[in-house]
Amino acid sequence: MADKVEVDPEQLRSAAGSTTDVQTAIDTVISTLTAALAGRGAPWGNDSLGRRLASQYEPAKQALIDGAGTFSGTFQGLATGQIDAADQMERTDIISGDGFR
């Protein structure tokens, strides 16, 4: 375990901004992909082969979109945690400093 912990709350908040940027980029990819796929329509026919393809494609497509959404949510949670940690570290520092007065 570390003997010393050093945190710069402003740098941690800045990192949270970068983490939010990653989340926003993931959301943009999801939106772009969803719109592009919807605009193309079904690339298969309504025959037995087309129905078989659709039965495999549609669940895989949805799993990809859902997984990317989960990934985005993870980055949102990380950013929130970084901000909360910075706030808590700052409060702790103020309370500890008050103990020396």
N, C-alpha and C. Protein backbone atom coordinates (compact mmCIF):
# COMPACT_ATOMS: atom_id res chain seq x y z
N MET A 1 0.84 -1.17 0.00
CA MET A 1 0.00 0.00 0.00
C MET A 1 0.88 1.23 0.00
N ALA A 2 0.44 2.30 -0.62
CA ALA A 2 1.22 3.53 -0.73
C ALA A 2 1.31 4.23 0.63
N ASP A 3 2.45 4.84 0.88
CA ASP A 3 2.63 5.59 2.11
C ASP A 3 2.03 6.98 2.00
N LYS A 4 1.86 7.45 0.77
CA LYS A 4 1.41 8.82 0.56
C LYS A 4 0.46 8.85 -0.64
N VAL A 5 -0.59 9.63 -0.51
CA VAL A 5 -1.52 9.83 -1.62
C VAL A 5 -1.52 11.31 -1.93
N GLU A 6 -1.31 11.62 -3.19
CA GLU A 6 -1.32 13.02 -3.60
C GLU A 6 -2.30 13.17 -4.75
N VAL A 7 -3.24 14.07 -4.59
CA VAL A 7 -4.27 14.30 -5.60
C VAL A 7 -4.41 15.78 -5.84
N ASP A 8 -4.45 16.16 -7.09
CA ASP A 8 -4.75 17.54 -7.48
C ASP A 8 -6.20 17.54 -7.96
N PRO A 9 -7.13 18.05 -7.15
CA PRO A 9 -8.54 18.00 -7.53
C PRO A 9 -8.84 18.64 -8.88
N GLU A 10 -8.15 19.72 -9.21
CA GLU A 10 -8.40 20.36 -10.50
C GLU A 10 -7.97 19.46 -11.66
N GLN A 11 -6.84 18.78 -11.51
CA GLN A 11 -6.41 17.85 -12.56
C GLN A 11 -7.37 16.67 -12.67
N LEU A 12 -7.88 16.23 -11.54
CA LEU A 12 -8.84 15.13 -11.55
C LEU A 12 -10.14 15.56 -12.24
N ARG A 13 -10.59 16.79 -11.99
CA ARG A 13 -11.77 17.31 -12.68
C ARG A 13 -11.51 17.46 -14.17
N SER A 14 -10.31 17.87 -14.52
CA SER A 14 -9.94 17.98 -15.93
C SER A 14 -9.96 16.60 -16.59
N ALA A 15 -9.46 15.62 -15.89
CA ALA A 15 -9.49 14.24 -16.41
C ALA A 15 -10.93 13.78 -16.60
N ALA A 16 -11.81 14.20 -15.70
CA ALA A 16 -13.23 13.85 -15.83
C ALA A 16 -13.80 14.44 -17.12
N GLY A 17 -13.36 15.64 -17.47
CA GLY A 17 -13.79 16.25 -18.73
C GLY A 17 -13.34 15.42 -19.91
N SER A 18 -12.12 14.92 -19.87
CA SER A 18 -11.62 14.06 -20.95
C SER A 18 -12.38 12.75 -21.00
N THR A 19 -12.70 12.21 -19.84
CA THR A 19 -13.48 10.97 -19.79
C THR A 19 -14.87 11.19 -20.38
N THR A 20 -15.47 12.34 -20.09
CA THR A 20 -16.76 12.68 -20.67
C THR A 20 -16.66 12.83 -22.19
N ASP A 21 -15.53 13.37 -22.66
CA ASP A 21 -15.31 13.47 -24.11
C ASP A 21 -15.32 12.09 -24.77
N VAL A 22 -14.73 11.11 -24.09
CA VAL A 22 -14.73 9.73 -24.62
C VAL A 22 -16.16 9.21 -24.68
N GLN A 23 -16.91 9.44 -23.61
CA GLN A 23 -18.30 9.00 -23.58
C GLN A 23 -19.09 9.64 -24.72
N THR A 24 -18.90 10.94 -24.93
CA THR A 24 -19.60 11.64 -26.00
C THR A 24 -19.23 11.07 -27.37
N ALA A 25 -17.96 10.74 -27.56
CA ALA A 25 -17.52 10.16 -28.83
C ALA A 25 -18.17 8.79 -29.06
N ILE A 26 -18.26 8.00 -28.00
CA ILE A 26 -18.92 6.70 -28.13
C ILE A 26 -20.39 6.88 -28.49
N ASP A 27 -21.06 7.84 -27.84
CA ASP A 27 -22.47 8.11 -28.14
C ASP A 27 -22.64 8.56 -29.59
N THR A 28 -21.70 9.34 -30.08
CA THR A 28 -21.76 9.79 -31.48
C THR A 28 -21.63 8.61 -32.44
N VAL A 29 -20.72 7.71 -32.13
CA VAL A 29 -20.55 6.51 -32.96
C VAL A 29 -21.84 5.69 -32.96
N ILE A 30 -22.43 5.51 -31.80
CA ILE A 30 -23.68 4.75 -31.71
C ILE A 30 -24.77 5.41 -32.55
N SER A 31 -24.93 6.71 -32.42
CA SER A 31 -25.96 7.43 -33.18
C SER A 31 -25.71 7.35 -34.68
N THR A 32 -24.47 7.54 -35.08
CA THR A 32 -24.12 7.48 -36.50
C THR A 32 -24.37 6.09 -37.07
N LEU A 33 -23.94 5.07 -36.34
CA LEU A 33 -24.14 3.70 -36.78
C LEU A 33 -25.63 3.36 -36.87
N THR A 34 -26.38 3.72 -35.85
CA THR A 34 -27.82 3.43 -35.83
C THR A 34 -28.53 4.10 -37.00
N ALA A 35 -28.21 5.37 -37.26
CA ALA A 35 -28.83 6.09 -38.38
C ALA A 35 -28.43 5.49 -39.72
N ALA A 36 -27.16 5.14 -39.86
CA ALA A 36 -26.69 4.57 -41.12
C ALA A 36 -27.36 3.22 -41.39
N LEU A 37 -27.47 2.40 -40.37
CA LEU A 37 -28.09 1.09 -40.56
C LEU A 37 -29.59 1.22 -40.85
N ALA A 38 -30.24 2.15 -40.18
CA ALA A 38 -31.68 2.35 -40.41
C ALA A 38 -31.93 2.87 -41.83
N GLY A 39 -31.04 3.71 -42.31
CA GLY A 39 -31.20 4.29 -43.64
C GLY A 39 -30.99 3.30 -44.78
N ARG A 40 -30.34 2.22 -44.50
CA ARG A 40 -30.04 1.22 -45.54
C ARG A 40 -31.17 0.21 -45.73
N GLY A 41 -31.99 0.06 -44.72
CA GLY A 41 -33.04 -0.94 -44.82
C GLY A 41 -32.48 -2.34 -44.67
N ALA A 42 -33.31 -3.33 -44.92
CA ALA A 42 -32.88 -4.72 -44.79
C ALA A 42 -32.13 -5.15 -46.05
N PRO A 43 -30.89 -5.61 -45.90
CA PRO A 43 -30.11 -6.01 -47.08
C PRO A 43 -30.34 -7.46 -47.50
N TRP A 44 -31.48 -8.01 -47.15
CA TRP A 44 -31.78 -9.40 -47.50
C TRP A 44 -33.22 -9.48 -47.98
N GLY A 45 -33.52 -10.54 -48.62
CA GLY A 45 -34.87 -10.75 -49.13
C GLY A 45 -35.77 -11.40 -48.10
N ASN A 46 -36.98 -11.67 -48.51
CA ASN A 46 -37.96 -12.27 -47.61
C ASN A 46 -38.09 -13.78 -47.83
N ASP A 47 -37.09 -14.36 -48.48
CA ASP A 47 -37.10 -15.81 -48.68
C ASP A 47 -36.50 -16.49 -47.46
N SER A 48 -36.41 -17.80 -47.47
CA SER A 48 -35.92 -18.52 -46.30
C SER A 48 -34.48 -18.16 -45.96
N LEU A 49 -33.66 -17.97 -46.97
CA LEU A 49 -32.26 -17.58 -46.72
C LEU A 49 -32.19 -16.19 -46.09
N GLY A 50 -33.00 -15.28 -46.62
CA GLY A 50 -33.03 -13.92 -46.07
C GLY A 50 -33.52 -13.90 -44.64
N ARG A 51 -34.54 -14.69 -44.34
CA ARG A 51 -35.05 -14.75 -42.97
C ARG A 51 -34.02 -15.34 -42.01
N ARG A 52 -33.27 -16.34 -42.49
CA ARG A 52 -32.21 -16.93 -41.66
C ARG A 52 -31.12 -15.90 -41.38
N LEU A 53 -30.74 -15.15 -42.41
CA LEU A 53 -29.73 -14.11 -42.23
C LEU A 53 -30.23 -13.06 -41.24
N ALA A 54 -31.46 -12.63 -41.41
CA ALA A 54 -32.02 -11.62 -40.51
C ALA A 54 -32.08 -12.13 -39.07
N SER A 55 -32.39 -13.40 -38.90
CA SER A 55 -32.49 -13.95 -37.54
C SER A 55 -31.15 -13.95 -36.82
N GLN A 56 -30.05 -13.95 -37.57
CA GLN A 56 -28.71 -13.88 -36.97
C GLN A 56 -28.22 -12.44 -36.88
N TYR A 57 -28.51 -11.67 -37.91
CA TYR A 57 -28.01 -10.29 -38.01
C TYR A 57 -28.63 -9.37 -36.97
N GLU A 58 -29.96 -9.39 -36.89
CA GLU A 58 -30.65 -8.44 -36.02
C GLU A 58 -30.23 -8.56 -34.55
N PRO A 59 -30.19 -9.77 -33.97
CA PRO A 59 -29.73 -9.87 -32.58
C PRO A 59 -28.28 -9.43 -32.40
N ALA A 60 -27.43 -9.74 -33.38
CA ALA A 60 -26.03 -9.33 -33.28
C ALA A 60 -25.90 -7.82 -33.36
N LYS A 61 -26.67 -7.21 -34.25
CA LYS A 61 -26.66 -5.74 -34.37
C LYS A 61 -27.10 -5.10 -33.06
N GLN A 62 -28.19 -5.62 -32.50
CA GLN A 62 -28.71 -5.05 -31.25
C GLN A 62 -27.72 -5.25 -30.10
N ALA A 63 -27.07 -6.40 -30.06
CA ALA A 63 -26.08 -6.66 -29.01
C ALA A 63 -24.90 -5.69 -29.12
N LEU A 64 -24.50 -5.40 -30.35
CA LEU A 64 -23.42 -4.43 -30.56
C LEU A 64 -23.82 -3.04 -30.07
N ILE A 65 -25.01 -2.61 -30.43
CA ILE A 65 -25.48 -1.29 -30.02
C ILE A 65 -25.66 -1.24 -28.50
N ASP A 66 -26.24 -2.28 -27.93
CA ASP A 66 -26.43 -2.33 -26.47
C ASP A 66 -25.08 -2.34 -25.74
N GLY A 67 -24.14 -3.11 -26.26
CA GLY A 67 -22.81 -3.17 -25.64
C GLY A 67 -22.09 -1.83 -25.69
N ALA A 68 -22.21 -1.16 -26.81
CA ALA A 68 -21.60 0.17 -26.93
C ALA A 68 -22.26 1.15 -25.96
N GLY A 69 -23.58 1.02 -25.79
CA GLY A 69 -24.28 1.86 -24.82
C GLY A 69 -23.81 1.62 -23.40
N THR A 70 -23.56 0.36 -23.09
CA THR A 70 -23.01 0.02 -21.76
C THR A 70 -21.62 0.61 -21.59
N PHE A 71 -20.83 0.52 -22.65
CA PHE A 71 -19.47 1.09 -22.63
C PHE A 71 -19.54 2.60 -22.38
N SER A 72 -20.47 3.27 -23.06
CA SER A 72 -20.67 4.71 -22.87
C SER A 72 -21.06 5.00 -21.42
N GLY A 73 -21.98 4.21 -20.89
CA GLY A 73 -22.41 4.39 -19.51
C GLY A 73 -21.28 4.20 -18.52
N THR A 74 -20.36 3.29 -18.83
CA THR A 74 -19.20 3.08 -17.98
C THR A 74 -18.35 4.34 -17.92
N PHE A 75 -18.12 4.96 -19.07
CA PHE A 75 -17.33 6.19 -19.08
C PHE A 75 -18.06 7.33 -18.37
N GLN A 76 -19.38 7.37 -18.48
CA GLN A 76 -20.14 8.37 -17.75
C GLN A 76 -19.96 8.16 -16.24
N GLY A 77 -20.03 6.92 -15.81
CA GLY A 77 -19.83 6.61 -14.39
C GLY A 77 -18.42 6.94 -13.91
N LEU A 78 -17.43 6.68 -14.76
CA LEU A 78 -16.05 7.03 -14.40
C LEU A 78 -15.89 8.54 -14.23
N ALA A 79 -16.47 9.31 -15.14
CA ALA A 79 -16.37 10.77 -15.06
C ALA A 79 -17.03 11.28 -13.78
N THR A 80 -18.20 10.75 -13.48
CA THR A 80 -18.89 11.14 -12.25
C THR A 80 -18.05 10.78 -11.03
N GLY A 81 -17.45 9.60 -11.05
CA GLY A 81 -16.59 9.18 -9.93
C GLY A 81 -15.37 10.07 -9.78
N GLN A 82 -14.79 10.49 -10.90
CA GLN A 82 -13.62 11.39 -10.83
C GLN A 82 -14.01 12.72 -10.20
N ILE A 83 -15.15 13.26 -10.59
CA ILE A 83 -15.60 14.54 -10.02
C ILE A 83 -15.92 14.38 -8.54
N ASP A 84 -16.64 13.31 -8.20
CA ASP A 84 -16.97 13.06 -6.79
C ASP A 84 -15.71 12.88 -5.95
N ALA A 85 -14.72 12.16 -6.49
CA ALA A 85 -13.47 11.96 -5.76
C ALA A 85 -12.73 13.28 -5.56
N ALA A 86 -12.70 14.12 -6.59
CA ALA A 86 -12.04 15.42 -6.47
C ALA A 86 -12.71 16.27 -5.40
N ASP A 87 -14.04 16.28 -5.41
CA ASP A 87 -14.79 17.05 -4.40
C ASP A 87 -14.51 16.53 -3.01
N GLN A 88 -14.52 15.20 -2.85
CA GLN A 88 -14.27 14.60 -1.53
C GLN A 88 -12.85 14.87 -1.05
N MET A 89 -11.88 14.75 -1.95
CA MET A 89 -10.48 15.03 -1.58
C MET A 89 -10.33 16.49 -1.14
N GLU A 90 -11.00 17.38 -1.84
CA GLU A 90 -10.92 18.80 -1.49
C GLU A 90 -11.54 19.05 -0.11
N ARG A 91 -12.70 18.44 0.13
CA ARG A 91 -13.35 18.60 1.44
C ARG A 91 -12.48 18.02 2.55
N THR A 92 -11.90 16.86 2.30
CA THR A 92 -11.04 16.22 3.29
C THR A 92 -9.83 17.10 3.59
N ASP A 93 -9.25 17.69 2.56
CA ASP A 93 -8.10 18.56 2.74
C ASP A 93 -8.47 19.79 3.58
N ILE A 94 -9.63 20.36 3.33
CA ILE A 94 -10.08 21.53 4.08
C ILE A 94 -10.32 21.17 5.54
N ILE A 95 -10.98 20.05 5.77
CA ILE A 95 -11.25 19.60 7.14
C ILE A 95 -9.95 19.29 7.87
N SER A 96 -9.02 18.63 7.19
CA SER A 96 -7.72 18.32 7.82
C SER A 96 -6.95 19.60 8.12
N GLY A 97 -6.99 20.54 7.21
CA GLY A 97 -6.30 21.82 7.43
C GLY A 97 -6.89 22.59 8.60
N ASP A 98 -8.21 22.50 8.75
CA ASP A 98 -8.86 23.19 9.88
C ASP A 98 -8.40 22.61 11.21
N GLY A 99 -7.97 21.35 11.21
CA GLY A 99 -7.50 20.73 12.45
C GLY A 99 -6.16 21.29 12.93
N PHE A 100 -5.45 22.00 12.07
CA PHE A 100 -4.17 22.60 12.45
C PHE A 100 -4.31 24.03 12.92
N ARG A 101 -5.50 24.54 12.92
CA ARG A 101 -5.71 25.96 13.34
C ARG A 101 -5.97 26.08 14.80
